Amino acid sequence: MAKPELRQKTKVEYEDSSSLKGTLASVFFLGFFLIITWLGVFYLFINRF
């Protein structure tokens, strides 16, 4: 008869992912870049006419 395996308890360590300040800064930077780029292209479009 096969012996049942005893499950070993393993500790899983989680990284502290509660600080998302870098992610927020990157999203704001990307958003501002897209808005400035869009406004620049819009300005060029308006000035052509």
N, C-alpha and C. Protein backbone atom coordinates (compact mmCIF):
# COMPACT_ATOMS: atom_id res chain seq x y z
N MET A 1 0.85 -1.17 0.00
CA MET A 1 0.00 0.00 0.00
C MET A 1 0.90 1.24 0.00
N ALA A 2 0.54 2.23 -0.80
CA ALA A 2 1.33 3.45 -0.90
C ALA A 2 1.10 4.32 0.32
N LYS A 3 2.17 4.95 0.76
CA LYS A 3 2.06 5.85 1.90
C LYS A 3 1.58 7.23 1.43
N PRO A 4 0.64 7.80 2.11
CA PRO A 4 0.22 9.15 1.72
C PRO A 4 1.33 10.15 2.00
N GLU A 5 1.51 11.06 1.08
CA GLU A 5 2.56 12.06 1.25
C GLU A 5 2.09 13.15 2.21
N LEU A 6 2.98 13.54 3.05
CA LEU A 6 2.67 14.64 3.95
C LEU A 6 2.98 15.95 3.22
N ARG A 7 2.02 16.82 3.23
CA ARG A 7 2.25 18.10 2.54
C ARG A 7 3.09 19.00 3.43
N GLN A 8 4.09 19.53 2.82
CA GLN A 8 4.97 20.43 3.55
C GLN A 8 4.40 21.85 3.47
N LYS A 9 4.44 22.52 4.59
CA LYS A 9 4.00 23.90 4.60
C LYS A 9 5.16 24.77 4.13
N THR A 10 4.92 25.51 3.07
CA THR A 10 5.96 26.39 2.56
C THR A 10 5.52 27.83 2.78
N LYS A 11 6.46 28.63 3.17
CA LYS A 11 6.18 30.05 3.36
C LYS A 11 6.37 30.75 2.03
N VAL A 12 5.38 31.52 1.67
CA VAL A 12 5.46 32.30 0.44
C VAL A 12 5.65 33.75 0.83
N GLU A 13 6.75 34.32 0.37
CA GLU A 13 7.03 35.71 0.69
C GLU A 13 6.55 36.58 -0.46
N TYR A 14 5.80 37.60 -0.12
CA TYR A 14 5.28 38.53 -1.10
C TYR A 14 6.06 39.83 -1.02
N GLU A 15 6.32 40.39 -2.20
CA GLU A 15 6.97 41.69 -2.22
C GLU A 15 5.95 42.76 -1.86
N ASP A 16 6.42 43.83 -1.28
CA ASP A 16 5.54 44.92 -0.90
C ASP A 16 5.17 45.69 -2.17
N SER A 17 3.98 45.45 -2.68
CA SER A 17 3.55 46.11 -3.92
C SER A 17 2.56 47.21 -3.63
N SER A 18 2.48 47.68 -2.38
CA SER A 18 1.51 48.71 -2.05
C SER A 18 1.99 50.09 -2.49
N SER A 19 3.28 50.27 -2.72
CA SER A 19 3.80 51.56 -3.14
C SER A 19 3.84 51.61 -4.66
N LEU A 20 2.93 52.37 -5.23
CA LEU A 20 2.85 52.47 -6.68
C LEU A 20 3.16 53.89 -7.14
N LYS A 21 3.98 54.59 -6.39
CA LYS A 21 4.30 55.98 -6.74
C LYS A 21 5.01 56.08 -8.08
N GLY A 22 5.90 55.15 -8.36
CA GLY A 22 6.62 55.17 -9.64
C GLY A 22 5.69 54.91 -10.80
N THR A 23 4.74 54.02 -10.61
CA THR A 23 3.76 53.74 -11.66
C THR A 23 2.88 54.95 -11.92
N LEU A 24 2.44 55.60 -10.86
CA LEU A 24 1.61 56.79 -11.01
C LEU A 24 2.38 57.89 -11.72
N ALA A 25 3.62 58.10 -11.37
CA ALA A 25 4.44 59.12 -12.02
C ALA A 25 4.63 58.80 -13.50
N SER A 26 4.85 57.54 -13.82
CA SER A 26 5.03 57.16 -15.22
C SER A 26 3.75 57.38 -16.03
N VAL A 27 2.61 57.07 -15.44
CA VAL A 27 1.34 57.25 -16.15
C VAL A 27 1.08 58.73 -16.37
N PHE A 28 1.34 59.56 -15.36
CA PHE A 28 1.16 61.01 -15.53
C PHE A 28 2.11 61.55 -16.59
N PHE A 29 3.35 61.11 -16.58
CA PHE A 29 4.32 61.57 -17.58
C PHE A 29 3.87 61.19 -18.99
N LEU A 30 3.43 59.96 -19.16
CA LEU A 30 2.96 59.51 -20.46
C LEU A 30 1.72 60.28 -20.89
N GLY A 31 0.81 60.53 -19.95
CA GLY A 31 -0.41 61.29 -20.26
C GLY A 31 -0.09 62.71 -20.69
N PHE A 32 0.80 63.37 -19.94
CA PHE A 32 1.17 64.74 -20.31
C PHE A 32 1.87 64.76 -21.66
N PHE A 33 2.71 63.78 -21.93
CA PHE A 33 3.40 63.72 -23.22
C PHE A 33 2.39 63.57 -24.36
N LEU A 34 1.41 62.71 -24.18
CA LEU A 34 0.40 62.52 -25.23
C LEU A 34 -0.44 63.78 -25.43
N ILE A 35 -0.81 64.44 -24.35
CA ILE A 35 -1.61 65.66 -24.46
C ILE A 35 -0.82 66.76 -25.16
N ILE A 36 0.44 66.94 -24.78
CA ILE A 36 1.28 67.98 -25.40
C ILE A 36 1.50 67.67 -26.88
N THR A 37 1.74 66.41 -27.20
CA THR A 37 1.92 66.02 -28.60
C THR A 37 0.65 66.28 -29.41
N TRP A 38 -0.50 65.89 -28.85
CA TRP A 38 -1.77 66.09 -29.55
C TRP A 38 -2.02 67.58 -29.76
N LEU A 39 -1.78 68.39 -28.74
CA LEU A 39 -1.99 69.83 -28.88
C LEU A 39 -1.04 70.44 -29.91
N GLY A 40 0.19 69.95 -29.97
CA GLY A 40 1.14 70.44 -30.97
C GLY A 40 0.68 70.12 -32.38
N VAL A 41 0.22 68.92 -32.60
CA VAL A 41 -0.28 68.54 -33.93
C VAL A 41 -1.54 69.31 -34.27
N PHE A 42 -2.42 69.50 -33.30
CA PHE A 42 -3.64 70.27 -33.52
C PHE A 42 -3.31 71.71 -33.88
N TYR A 43 -2.33 72.29 -33.18
CA TYR A 43 -1.90 73.66 -33.46
C TYR A 43 -1.36 73.77 -34.89
N LEU A 44 -0.55 72.81 -35.30
CA LEU A 44 -0.05 72.81 -36.68
C LEU A 44 -1.19 72.68 -37.68
N PHE A 45 -2.16 71.87 -37.39
CA PHE A 45 -3.31 71.70 -38.28
C PHE A 45 -4.11 72.99 -38.41
N ILE A 46 -4.34 73.66 -37.29
CA ILE A 46 -5.12 74.89 -37.32
C ILE A 46 -4.37 76.00 -38.07
N ASN A 47 -3.07 76.08 -37.91
CA ASN A 47 -2.29 77.14 -38.55
C ASN A 47 -2.11 76.93 -40.05
N ARG A 48 -2.39 75.77 -40.55
CA ARG A 48 -2.24 75.52 -41.99
C ARG A 48 -3.36 76.18 -42.79
N PHE A 49 -4.48 76.51 -42.13
CA PHE A 49 -5.61 77.05 -42.86
C PHE A 49 -5.82 78.51 -42.56
